[in-house]
Amino acid sequence: LQDHYMAMLNFRTDAESLISAASPENAALLQSEGRGPLSSNIG
């Protein structure tokens, strides 16, 4: 068995990230238009 090793590097930023994706506005955007931060696959 061979598995794929990954090393992720993390950086803080002042820009808005996905931690604020779960908002009512974004939920409505996903439901109505199928887009927005909640449609993100993260990678």
PDB file of all heavy atoms in Angstrom:
ATOM      1  N   LEU A   1       0.842  -1.198   0.000  1.00  0.00           N
ATOM      2  CA  LEU A   1       0.000   0.000   0.000  1.00  0.00           C
ATOM      3  C   LEU A   1       0.879   1.251   0.000  1.00  0.00           C
ATOM      4  O   LEU A   1       1.834   1.344   0.770  1.00  0.00           O
ATOM      5  CB  LEU A   1      -0.908   0.010   1.232  1.00  0.00           C
ATOM      6  CG  LEU A   1      -1.731   1.282   1.435  1.00  0.00           C
ATOM      7  CD1 LEU A   1      -2.800   1.413   0.370  1.00  0.00           C
ATOM      8  CD2 LEU A   1      -2.356   1.313   2.810  1.00  0.00           C
ATOM      9  N   GLN A   2       0.564   2.191  -0.854  1.00  0.00           N
ATOM     10  CA  GLN A   2       1.264   3.476  -0.903  1.00  0.00           C
ATOM     11  C   GLN A   2       0.252   4.596  -0.717  1.00  0.00           C
ATOM     12  O   GLN A   2      -0.785   4.605  -1.374  1.00  0.00           O
ATOM     13  CB  GLN A   2       1.980   3.641  -2.253  1.00  0.00           C
ATOM     14  CG  GLN A   2       3.036   2.587  -2.512  1.00  0.00           C
ATOM     15  CD  GLN A   2       3.557   2.631  -3.938  1.00  0.00           C
ATOM     16  OE1 GLN A   2       2.947   3.257  -4.804  1.00  0.00           O
ATOM     17  NE2 GLN A   2       4.668   1.972  -4.195  1.00  0.00           N
ATOM     18  N   ASP A   3       0.550   5.512   0.179  1.00  0.00           N
ATOM     19  CA  ASP A   3      -0.331   6.653   0.384  1.00  0.00           C
ATOM     20  C   ASP A   3       0.446   7.932   0.100  1.00  0.00           C
ATOM     21  O   ASP A   3       1.674   7.939   0.070  1.00  0.00           O
ATOM     22  CB  ASP A   3      -0.892   6.659   1.811  1.00  0.00           C
ATOM     23  CG  ASP A   3      -2.247   7.333   1.894  1.00  0.00           C
ATOM     24  OD1 ASP A   3      -2.625   8.027   0.928  1.00  0.00           O
ATOM     25  OD2 ASP A   3      -2.928   7.176   2.917  1.00  0.00           O
ATOM     26  N   HIS A   4      -0.275   9.015  -0.104  1.00  0.00           N
ATOM     27  CA  HIS A   4       0.316  10.262  -0.579  1.00  0.00           C
ATOM     28  C   HIS A   4       0.519  11.233   0.576  1.00  0.00           C
ATOM     29  O   HIS A   4      -0.449  11.761   1.125  1.00  0.00           O
ATOM     30  CB  HIS A   4      -0.586  10.898  -1.641  1.00  0.00           C
ATOM     31  CG  HIS A   4      -0.834  10.025  -2.814  1.00  0.00           C
ATOM     32  ND1 HIS A   4      -1.779   9.027  -2.796  1.00  0.00           N
ATOM     33  CD2 HIS A   4      -0.250   9.961  -4.025  1.00  0.00           C
ATOM     34  CE1 HIS A   4      -1.774   8.406  -3.961  1.00  0.00           C
ATOM     35  NE2 HIS A   4      -0.858   8.953  -4.726  1.00  0.00           N
ATOM     36  N   TYR A   5       1.769  11.476   0.918  1.00  0.00           N
ATOM     37  CA  TYR A   5       2.065  12.400   2.008  1.00  0.00           C
ATOM     38  C   TYR A   5       1.923  13.836   1.549  1.00  0.00           C
ATOM     39  O   TYR A   5       2.315  14.194   0.440  1.00  0.00           O
ATOM     40  CB  TYR A   5       3.478  12.157   2.551  1.00  0.00           C
ATOM     41  CG  TYR A   5       3.516  11.000   3.518  1.00  0.00           C
ATOM     42  CD1 TYR A   5       3.955   9.751   3.127  1.00  0.00           C
ATOM     43  CD2 TYR A   5       3.055  11.170   4.819  1.00  0.00           C
ATOM     44  CE1 TYR A   5       3.962   8.688   4.015  1.00  0.00           C
ATOM     45  CE2 TYR A   5       3.054  10.122   5.719  1.00  0.00           C
ATOM     46  CZ  TYR A   5       3.510   8.874   5.309  1.00  0.00           C
ATOM     47  OH  TYR A   5       3.504   7.829   6.191  1.00  0.00           O
ATOM     48  N   MET A   6       1.361  14.641   2.431  1.00  0.00           N
ATOM     49  CA  MET A   6       1.133  16.056   2.137  1.00  0.00           C
ATOM     50  C   MET A   6       1.591  16.887   3.326  1.00  0.00           C
ATOM     51  O   MET A   6       1.409  16.486   4.477  1.00  0.00           O
ATOM     52  CB  MET A   6      -0.351  16.304   1.872  1.00  0.00           C
ATOM     53  CG  MET A   6      -0.703  17.764   1.627  1.00  0.00           C
ATOM     54  SD  MET A   6      -2.486  18.043   1.630  1.00  0.00           S
ATOM     55  CE  MET A   6      -2.972  17.138   0.180  1.00  0.00           C
ATOM     56  N   ALA A   7       2.208  18.029   3.049  1.00  0.00           N
ATOM     57  CA  ALA A   7       2.605  18.961   4.100  1.00  0.00           C
ATOM     58  C   ALA A   7       1.979  20.316   3.800  1.00  0.00           C
ATOM     59  O   ALA A   7       2.348  20.971   2.830  1.00  0.00           O
ATOM     60  CB  ALA A   7       4.125  19.086   4.169  1.00  0.00           C
ATOM     61  N   MET A   8       1.004  20.706   4.616  1.00  0.00           N
ATOM     62  CA  MET A   8       0.315  21.975   4.394  1.00  0.00           C
ATOM     63  C   MET A   8       0.938  23.070   5.265  1.00  0.00           C
ATOM     64  O   MET A   8       1.157  22.886   6.468  1.00  0.00           O
ATOM     65  CB  MET A   8      -1.175  21.837   4.721  1.00  0.00           C
ATOM     66  CG  MET A   8      -1.935  20.923   3.782  1.00  0.00           C
ATOM     67  SD  MET A   8      -2.054  21.574   2.095  1.00  0.00           S
ATOM     68  CE  MET A   8      -3.436  22.704   2.262  1.00  0.00           C
ATOM     69  N   LEU A   9       1.208  24.202   4.644  1.00  0.00           N
ATOM     70  CA  LEU A   9       1.751  25.356   5.345  1.00  0.00           C
ATOM     71  C   LEU A   9       0.626  26.364   5.580  1.00  0.00           C
ATOM     72  O   LEU A   9      -0.193  26.609   4.694  1.00  0.00           O
ATOM     73  CB  LEU A   9       2.857  26.009   4.510  1.00  0.00           C
ATOM     74  CG  LEU A   9       3.981  25.079   4.044  1.00  0.00           C
ATOM     75  CD1 LEU A   9       4.965  25.839   3.161  1.00  0.00           C
ATOM     76  CD2 LEU A   9       4.698  24.466   5.230  1.00  0.00           C
ATOM     77  N   ASN A  10       0.589  26.943   6.765  1.00  0.00           N
ATOM     78  CA  ASN A  10      -0.485  27.859   7.143  1.00  0.00           C
ATOM     79  C   ASN A  10       0.027  29.287   7.305  1.00  0.00           C
ATOM     80  O   ASN A  10       1.114  29.505   7.854  1.00  0.00           O
ATOM     81  CB  ASN A  10      -1.119  27.413   8.469  1.00  0.00           C
ATOM     82  CG  ASN A  10      -1.943  26.158   8.309  1.00  0.00           C
ATOM     83  OD1 ASN A  10      -3.050  26.193   7.796  1.00  0.00           O
ATOM     84  ND2 ASN A  10      -1.399  25.025   8.748  1.00  0.00           N
ATOM     85  N   PHE A  11      -0.780  30.244   6.851  1.00  0.00           N
ATOM     86  CA  PHE A  11      -0.423  31.661   6.943  1.00  0.00           C
ATOM     87  C   PHE A  11      -1.647  32.462   7.389  1.00  0.00           C
ATOM     88  O   PHE A  11      -2.717  32.330   6.798  1.00  0.00           O
ATOM     89  CB  PHE A  11       0.059  32.196   5.585  1.00  0.00           C
ATOM     90  CG  PHE A  11       1.268  31.466   5.045  1.00  0.00           C
ATOM     91  CD1 PHE A  11       1.112  30.310   4.301  1.00  0.00           C
ATOM     92  CD2 PHE A  11       2.544  31.947   5.290  1.00  0.00           C
ATOM     93  CE1 PHE A  11       2.219  29.635   3.805  1.00  0.00           C
ATOM     94  CE2 PHE A  11       3.657  31.273   4.797  1.00  0.00           C
ATOM     95  CZ  PHE A  11       3.497  30.115   4.057  1.00  0.00           C
ATOM     96  N   ARG A  12      -1.457  33.294   8.402  1.00  0.00           N
ATOM     97  CA  ARG A  12      -2.537  34.194   8.802  1.00  0.00           C
ATOM     98  C   ARG A  12      -2.657  35.333   7.787  1.00  0.00           C
ATOM     99  O   ARG A  12      -1.691  35.699   7.124  1.00  0.00           O
ATOM    100  CB  ARG A  12      -2.266  34.780  10.183  1.00  0.00           C
ATOM    101  CG  ARG A  12      -2.285  33.762  11.312  1.00  0.00           C
ATOM    102  CD  ARG A  12      -2.085  34.476  12.650  1.00  0.00           C
ATOM    103  NE  ARG A  12      -2.073  33.529  13.764  1.00  0.00           N
ATOM    104  CZ  ARG A  12      -0.969  32.946  14.234  1.00  0.00           C
ATOM    105  NH1 ARG A  12       0.204  33.211  13.671  1.00  0.00           N
ATOM    106  NH2 ARG A  12      -1.027  32.111  15.241  1.00  0.00           N
ATOM    107  N   THR A  13      -3.864  35.890   7.689  1.00  0.00           N
ATOM    108  CA  THR A  13      -4.089  37.005   6.772  1.00  0.00           C
ATOM    109  C   THR A  13      -5.209  37.889   7.318  1.00  0.00           C
ATOM    110  O   THR A  13      -6.048  37.437   8.111  1.00  0.00           O
ATOM    111  CB  THR A  13      -4.471  36.499   5.366  1.00  0.00           C
ATOM    112  OG1 THR A  13      -4.740  37.613   4.520  1.00  0.00           O
ATOM    113  CG2 THR A  13      -5.711  35.626   5.408  1.00  0.00           C
ATOM    114  N   ASP A  14      -5.214  39.129   6.882  1.00  0.00           N
ATOM    115  CA  ASP A  14      -6.315  40.034   7.233  1.00  0.00           C
ATOM    116  C   ASP A  14      -7.489  39.868   6.278  1.00  0.00           C
ATOM    117  O   ASP A  14      -8.585  40.381   6.540  1.00  0.00           O
ATOM    118  CB  ASP A  14      -5.830  41.490   7.197  1.00  0.00           C
ATOM    119  CG  ASP A  14      -4.823  41.794   8.302  1.00  0.00           C
ATOM    120  OD1 ASP A  14      -4.893  41.133   9.348  1.00  0.00           O
ATOM    121  OD2 ASP A  14      -3.971  42.682   8.099  1.00  0.00           O
ATOM    122  N   ALA A  15      -7.259  39.182   5.158  1.00  0.00           N
ATOM    123  CA  ALA A  15      -8.339  38.967   4.197  1.00  0.00           C
ATOM    124  C   ALA A  15      -9.336  37.946   4.742  1.00  0.00           C
ATOM    125  O   ALA A  15      -8.989  37.061   5.517  1.00  0.00           O
ATOM    126  CB  ALA A  15      -7.768  38.475   2.872  1.00  0.00           C
ATOM    127  N   GLU A  16     -10.582  38.079   4.320  1.00  0.00           N
ATOM    128  CA  GLU A  16     -11.632  37.180   4.802  1.00  0.00           C
ATOM    129  C   GLU A  16     -11.433  35.786   4.211  1.00  0.00           C
ATOM    130  O   GLU A  16     -11.202  35.620   3.011  1.00  0.00           O
ATOM    131  CB  GLU A  16     -13.009  37.711   4.408  1.00  0.00           C
ATOM    132  CG  GLU A  16     -14.147  36.918   5.028  1.00  0.00           C
ATOM    133  CD  GLU A  16     -15.498  37.555   4.779  1.00  0.00           C
ATOM    134  OE1 GLU A  16     -15.561  38.543   4.026  1.00  0.00           O
ATOM    135  OE2 GLU A  16     -16.495  37.067   5.340  1.00  0.00           O
ATOM    136  N   SER A  17     -11.515  34.769   5.068  1.00  0.00           N
ATOM    137  CA  SER A  17     -11.340  33.386   4.635  1.00  0.00           C
ATOM    138  C   SER A  17     -12.673  32.644   4.744  1.00  0.00           C
ATOM    139  O   SER A  17     -13.716  33.236   4.997  1.00  0.00           O
ATOM    140  CB  SER A  17     -10.272  32.689   5.484  1.00  0.00           C
ATOM    141  OG  SER A  17     -10.747  32.483   6.811  1.00  0.00           O
ATOM    142  N   LEU A  18     -12.620  31.342   4.583  1.00  0.00           N
ATOM    143  CA  LEU A  18     -13.851  30.543   4.616  1.00  0.00           C
ATOM    144  C   LEU A  18     -14.431  30.348   6.011  1.00  0.00           C
ATOM    145  O   LEU A  18     -15.508  29.763   6.142  1.00  0.00           O
ATOM    146  CB  LEU A  18     -13.593  29.166   3.985  1.00  0.00           C
ATOM    147  CG  LEU A  18     -13.463  29.109   2.461  1.00  0.00           C
ATOM    148  CD1 LEU A  18     -13.185  27.674   2.015  1.00  0.00           C
ATOM    149  CD2 LEU A  18     -14.720  29.629   1.773  1.00  0.00           C
ATOM    150  N   ILE A  19     -13.753  30.819   7.065  1.00  0.00           N
ATOM    151  CA  ILE A  19     -14.327  30.593   8.398  1.00  0.00           C
ATOM    152  C   ILE A  19     -15.636  31.358   8.579  1.00  0.00           C
ATOM    153  O   ILE A  19     -16.424  31.042   9.476  1.00  0.00           O
ATOM    154  CB  ILE A  19     -13.342  30.943   9.536  1.00  0.00           C
ATOM    155  CG1 ILE A  19     -13.009  32.433   9.548  1.00  0.00           C
ATOM    156  CG2 ILE A  19     -12.086  30.100   9.444  1.00  0.00           C
ATOM    157  CD1 ILE A  19     -12.234  32.850  10.802  1.00  0.00           C
ATOM    158  N   SER A  20     -15.883  32.357   7.722  1.00  0.00           N
ATOM    159  CA  SER A  20     -17.138  33.116   7.812  1.00  0.00           C
ATOM    160  C   SER A  20     -18.140  32.688   6.742  1.00  0.00           C
ATOM    161  O   SER A  20     -19.109  33.401   6.475  1.00  0.00           O
ATOM    162  CB  SER A  20     -16.856  34.616   7.693  1.00  0.00           C
ATOM    163  OG  SER A  20     -16.112  34.896   6.526  1.00  0.00           O
ATOM    164  N   ALA A  21     -17.908  31.510   6.132  1.00  0.00           N
ATOM    165  CA  ALA A  21     -18.768  31.072   5.024  1.00  0.00           C
ATOM    166  C   ALA A  21     -20.177  30.703   5.481  1.00  0.00           C
ATOM    167  O   ALA A  21     -21.144  30.887   4.739  1.00  0.00           O
ATOM    168  CB  ALA A  21     -18.131  29.878   4.311  1.00  0.00           C
ATOM    169  N   ALA A  22     -20.308  30.183   6.689  1.00  0.00           N
ATOM    170  CA  ALA A  22     -21.598  29.650   7.127  1.00  0.00           C
ATOM    171  C   ALA A  22     -22.519  30.750   7.649  1.00  0.00           C
ATOM    172  O   ALA A  22     -22.872  30.800   8.828  1.00  0.00           O
ATOM    173  CB  ALA A  22     -21.388  28.587   8.198  1.00  0.00           C
ATOM    174  N   SER A  23     -22.909  31.637   6.750  1.00  0.00           N
ATOM    175  CA  SER A  23     -23.827  32.717   7.112  1.00  0.00           C
ATOM    176  C   SER A  23     -25.166  32.485   6.423  1.00  0.00           C
ATOM    177  O   SER A  23     -25.242  31.798   5.405  1.00  0.00           O
ATOM    178  CB  SER A  23     -23.255  34.065   6.670  1.00  0.00           C
ATOM    179  OG  SER A  23     -23.234  34.153   5.251  1.00  0.00           O
ATOM    180  N   PRO A  24     -26.245  33.058   6.951  1.00  0.00           N
ATOM    181  CA  PRO A  24     -27.546  32.922   6.284  1.00  0.00           C
ATOM    182  C   PRO A  24     -27.520  33.445   4.847  1.00  0.00           C
ATOM    183  O   PRO A  24     -28.167  32.881   3.962  1.00  0.00           O
ATOM    184  CB  PRO A  24     -28.482  33.753   7.172  1.00  0.00           C
ATOM    185  CG  PRO A  24     -27.835  33.760   8.521  1.00  0.00           C
ATOM    186  CD  PRO A  24     -26.360  33.762   8.246  1.00  0.00           C
ATOM    187  N   GLU A  25     -26.768  34.534   4.619  1.00  0.00           N
ATOM    188  CA  GLU A  25     -26.686  35.104   3.273  1.00  0.00           C
ATOM    189  C   GLU A  25     -26.030  34.120   2.299  1.00  0.00           C
ATOM    190  O   GLU A  25     -26.503  33.944   1.169  1.00  0.00           O
ATOM    191  CB  GLU A  25     -25.892  36.414   3.304  1.00  0.00           C
ATOM    192  CG  GLU A  25     -26.548  37.542   4.076  1.00  0.00           C
ATOM    193  CD  GLU A  25     -26.365  37.409   5.597  1.00  0.00           C
ATOM    194  OE1 GLU A  25     -25.529  36.576   6.031  1.00  0.00           O
ATOM    195  OE2 GLU A  25     -27.048  38.135   6.325  1.00  0.00           O
ATOM    196  N   ASN A  26     -24.942  33.469   2.741  1.00  0.00           N
ATOM    197  CA  ASN A  26     -24.261  32.512   1.871  1.00  0.00           C
ATOM    198  C   ASN A  26     -25.083  31.251   1.663  1.00  0.00           C
ATOM    199  O   ASN A  26     -25.030  30.638   0.592  1.00  0.00           O
ATOM    200  CB  ASN A  26     -22.891  32.170   2.446  1.00  0.00           C
ATOM    201  CG  ASN A  26     -21.900  33.308   2.314  1.00  0.00           C
ATOM    202  OD1 ASN A  26     -22.024  34.148   1.423  1.00  0.00           O
ATOM    203  ND2 ASN A  26     -20.915  33.348   3.206  1.00  0.00           N
ATOM    204  N   ALA A  27     -25.844  30.848   2.692  1.00  0.00           N
ATOM    205  CA  ALA A  27     -26.729  29.695   2.536  1.00  0.00           C
ATOM    206  C   ALA A  27     -27.804  29.993   1.496  1.00  0.00           C
ATOM    207  O   ALA A  27     -28.131  29.137   0.655  1.00  0.00           O
ATOM    208  CB  ALA A  27     -27.365  29.329   3.876  1.00  0.00           C
ATOM    209  N   ALA A  28     -28.335  31.206   1.525  1.00  0.00           N
ATOM    210  CA  ALA A  28     -29.360  31.607   0.553  1.00  0.00           C
ATOM    211  C   ALA A  28     -28.761  31.684  -0.848  1.00  0.00           C
ATOM    212  O   ALA A  28     -29.405  31.310  -1.835  1.00  0.00           O
ATOM    213  CB  ALA A  28     -29.957  32.947   0.951  1.00  0.00           C
ATOM    214  N   LEU A  29     -27.516  32.148  -0.948  1.00  0.00           N
ATOM    215  CA  LEU A  29     -26.845  32.240  -2.238  1.00  0.00           C
ATOM    216  C   LEU A  29     -26.616  30.855  -2.835  1.00  0.00           C
ATOM    217  O   LEU A  29     -26.823  30.646  -4.044  1.00  0.00           O
ATOM    218  CB  LEU A  29     -25.516  32.983  -2.069  1.00  0.00           C
ATOM    219  CG  LEU A  29     -24.715  33.289  -3.337  1.00  0.00           C
ATOM    220  CD1 LEU A  29     -25.506  34.199  -4.270  1.00  0.00           C
ATOM    221  CD2 LEU A  29     -23.371  33.925  -2.969  1.00  0.00           C
ATOM    222  N   LEU A  30     -26.216  29.907  -2.000  1.00  0.00           N
ATOM    223  CA  LEU A  30     -26.025  28.536  -2.480  1.00  0.00           C
ATOM    224  C   LEU A  30     -27.346  27.933  -2.937  1.00  0.00           C
ATOM    225  O   LEU A  30     -27.416  27.285  -3.996  1.00  0.00           O
ATOM    226  CB  LEU A  30     -25.411  27.671  -1.370  1.00  0.00           C
ATOM    227  CG  LEU A  30     -25.175  26.205  -1.727  1.00  0.00           C
ATOM    228  CD1 LEU A  30     -24.107  26.063  -2.799  1.00  0.00           C
ATOM    229  CD2 LEU A  30     -24.783  25.393  -0.483  1.00  0.00           C
ATOM    230  N   GLN A  31     -28.394  28.172  -2.156  1.00  0.00           N
ATOM    231  CA  GLN A  31     -29.693  27.582  -2.477  1.00  0.00           C
ATOM    232  C   GLN A  31     -30.306  28.192  -3.729  1.00  0.00           C
ATOM    233  O   GLN A  31     -30.890  27.487  -4.556  1.00  0.00           O
ATOM    234  CB  GLN A  31     -30.643  27.756  -1.287  1.00  0.00           C
ATOM    235  CG  GLN A  31     -31.967  27.025  -1.453  1.00  0.00           C
ATOM    236  CD  GLN A  31     -32.800  27.079  -0.178  1.00  0.00           C
ATOM    237  OE1 GLN A  31     -32.555  27.862   0.707  1.00  0.00           O
ATOM    238  NE2 GLN A  31     -33.799  26.203  -0.092  1.00  0.00           N
ATOM    239  N   SER A  32     -30.141  29.493  -3.903  1.00  0.00           N
ATOM    240  CA  SER A  32     -30.811  30.172  -5.015  1.00  0.00           C
ATOM    241  C   SER A  32     -30.000  30.170  -6.306  1.00  0.00           C
ATOM    242  O   SER A  32     -30.555  30.054  -7.396  1.00  0.00           O
ATOM    243  CB  SER A  32     -31.131  31.621  -4.628  1.00  0.00           C
ATOM    244  OG  SER A  32     -29.937  32.346  -4.356  1.00  0.00           O
ATOM    245  N   GLU A  33     -28.663  30.256  -6.172  1.00  0.00           N
ATOM    246  CA  GLU A  33     -27.826  30.402  -7.369  1.00  0.00           C
ATOM    247  C   GLU A  33     -26.747  29.329  -7.497  1.00  0.00           C
ATOM    248  O   GLU A  33     -26.024  29.305  -8.498  1.00  0.00           O
ATOM    249  CB  GLU A  33     -27.173  31.786  -7.379  1.00  0.00           C
ATOM    250  CG  GLU A  33     -28.186  32.933  -7.382  1.00  0.00           C
ATOM    251  CD  GLU A  33     -27.502  34.290  -7.438  1.00  0.00           C
ATOM    252  OE1 GLU A  33     -26.391  34.366  -8.001  1.00  0.00           O
ATOM    253  OE2 GLU A  33     -28.078  35.268  -6.917  1.00  0.00           O
ATOM    254  N   GLY A  34     -26.609  28.470  -6.489  1.00  0.00           N
ATOM    255  CA  GLY A  34     -25.615  27.403  -6.560  1.00  0.00           C
ATOM    256  C   GLY A  34     -24.193  27.897  -6.602  1.00  0.00           C
ATOM    257  O   GLY A  34     -23.333  27.318  -7.274  1.00  0.00           O
ATOM    258  N   ARG A  35     -23.900  28.961  -5.875  1.00  0.00           N
ATOM    259  CA  ARG A  35     -22.544  29.506  -5.854  1.00  0.00           C
ATOM    260  C   ARG A  35     -22.283  30.150  -4.505  1.00  0.00           C
ATOM    261  O   ARG A  35     -23.112  30.094  -3.609  1.00  0.00           O
ATOM    262  CB  ARG A  35     -22.356  30.530  -6.979  1.00  0.00           C
ATOM    263  CG  ARG A  35     -23.230  31.760  -6.887  1.00  0.00           C
ATOM    264  CD  ARG A  35     -22.976  32.725  -8.030  1.00  0.00           C
ATOM    265  NE  ARG A  35     -23.789  33.939  -7.902  1.00  0.00           N
ATOM    266  CZ  ARG A  35     -23.412  35.016  -7.227  1.00  0.00           C
ATOM    267  NH1 ARG A  35     -22.233  35.036  -6.607  1.00  0.00           N
ATOM    268  NH2 ARG A  35     -24.203  36.093  -7.160  1.00  0.00           N
ATOM    269  N   GLY A  36     -21.094  30.748  -4.385  1.00  0.00           N
ATOM    270  CA  GLY A  36     -20.730  31.420  -3.148  1.00  0.00           C
ATOM    271  C   GLY A  36     -19.804  30.581  -2.294  1.00  0.00           C
ATOM    272  O   GLY A  36     -19.435  29.449  -2.653  1.00  0.00           O
ATOM    273  N   PRO A  37     -19.396  31.102  -1.126  1.00  0.00           N
ATOM    274  CA  PRO A  37     -18.410  30.416  -0.282  1.00  0.00           C
ATOM    275  C   PRO A  37     -18.809  29.001   0.137  1.00  0.00           C
ATOM    276  O   PRO A  37     -17.941  28.136   0.292  1.00  0.00           O
ATOM    277  CB  PRO A  37     -18.298  31.344   0.939  1.00  0.00           C
ATOM    278  CG  PRO A  37     -18.686  32.692   0.434  1.00  0.00           C
ATOM    279  CD  PRO A  37     -19.748  32.432  -0.594  1.00  0.00           C
ATOM    280  N   LEU A  38     -20.094  28.741   0.328  1.00  0.00           N
ATOM    281  CA  LEU A  38     -20.508  27.400   0.751  1.00  0.00           C
ATOM    282  C   LEU A  38     -20.388  26.376  -0.375  1.00  0.00           C
ATOM    283  O   LEU A  38     -20.442  25.169  -0.114  1.00  0.00           O
ATOM    284  CB  LEU A  38     -21.936  27.429   1.298  1.00  0.00           C
ATOM    285  CG  LEU A  38     -22.094  28.064   2.679  1.00  0.00           C
ATOM    286  CD1 LEU A  38     -23.567  28.129   3.081  1.00  0.00           C
ATOM    287  CD2 LEU A  38     -21.302  27.281   3.734  1.00  0.00           C
ATOM    288  N   SER A  39     -20.223  26.835  -1.612  1.00  0.00           N
ATOM    289  CA  SER A  39     -19.997  25.905  -2.717  1.00  0.00           C
ATOM    290  C   SER A  39     -18.518  25.531  -2.835  1.00  0.00           C
ATOM    291  O   SER A  39     -18.150  24.714  -3.688  1.00  0.00           O
ATOM    292  CB  SER A  39     -20.482  26.508  -4.041  1.00  0.00           C
ATOM    293  OG  SER A  39     -19.628  27.561  -4.459  1.00  0.00           O
ATOM    294  N   SER A  40     -17.676  26.134  -1.997  1.00  0.00           N
ATOM    295  CA  SER A  40     -16.239  25.882  -2.068  1.00  0.00           C
ATOM    296  C   SER A  40     -15.907  24.447  -1.687  1.00  0.00           C
ATOM    297  O   SER A  40     -16.428  23.915  -0.701  1.00  0.00           O
ATOM    298  CB  SER A  40     -15.478  26.839  -1.143  1.00  0.00           C
ATOM    299  OG  SER A  40     -14.107  26.502  -1.104  1.00  0.00           O
ATOM    300  N   ASN A  41     -15.028  23.830  -2.453  1.00  0.00           N
ATOM    301  CA  ASN A  41     -14.517  22.499  -2.091  1.00  0.00           C
ATOM    302  C   ASN A  41     -13.293  22.624  -1.197  1.00  0.00           C
ATOM    303  O   ASN A  41     -12.615  21.626  -0.932  1.00  0.00           O
ATOM    304  CB  ASN A  41     -14.156  21.711  -3.351  1.00  0.00           C
ATOM    305  CG  ASN A  41     -12.937  22.265  -4.051  1.00  0.00           C
ATOM    306  OD1 ASN A  41     -12.866  23.468  -4.295  1.00  0.00           O
ATOM    307  ND2 ASN A  41     -11.976  21.414  -4.365  1.00  0.00           N
ATOM    308  N   ILE A  42     -12.999  23.810  -0.743  1.00  0.00           N
ATOM    309  CA  ILE A  42     -11.886  24.196   0.141  1.00  0.00           C
ATOM    310  C   ILE A  42     -10.545  24.123  -0.592  1.00  0.00           C
ATOM    311  O   ILE A  42      -9.831  25.113  -0.690  1.00  0.00           O
ATOM    312  CB  ILE A  42     -11.880  23.382   1.452  1.00  0.00           C
ATOM    313  CG1 ILE A  42     -13.208  23.627   2.213  1.00  0.00           C
ATOM    314  CG2 ILE A  42     -10.693  23.765   2.321  1.00  0.00           C
ATOM    315  CD1 ILE A  42     -13.317  22.926   3.547  1.00  0.00           C
ATOM    316  N   GLY A  43     -10.192  22.966  -1.140  1.00  0.00           N
ATOM    317  CA  GLY A  43      -8.965  22.868  -1.933  1.00  0.00           C
ATOM    318  C   GLY A  43      -9.221  23.382  -3.339  1.00  0.00           C
ATOM    319  O   GLY A  43      -9.201  22.616  -4.312  1.00  0.00           O
TER     320      GLY A  43
END
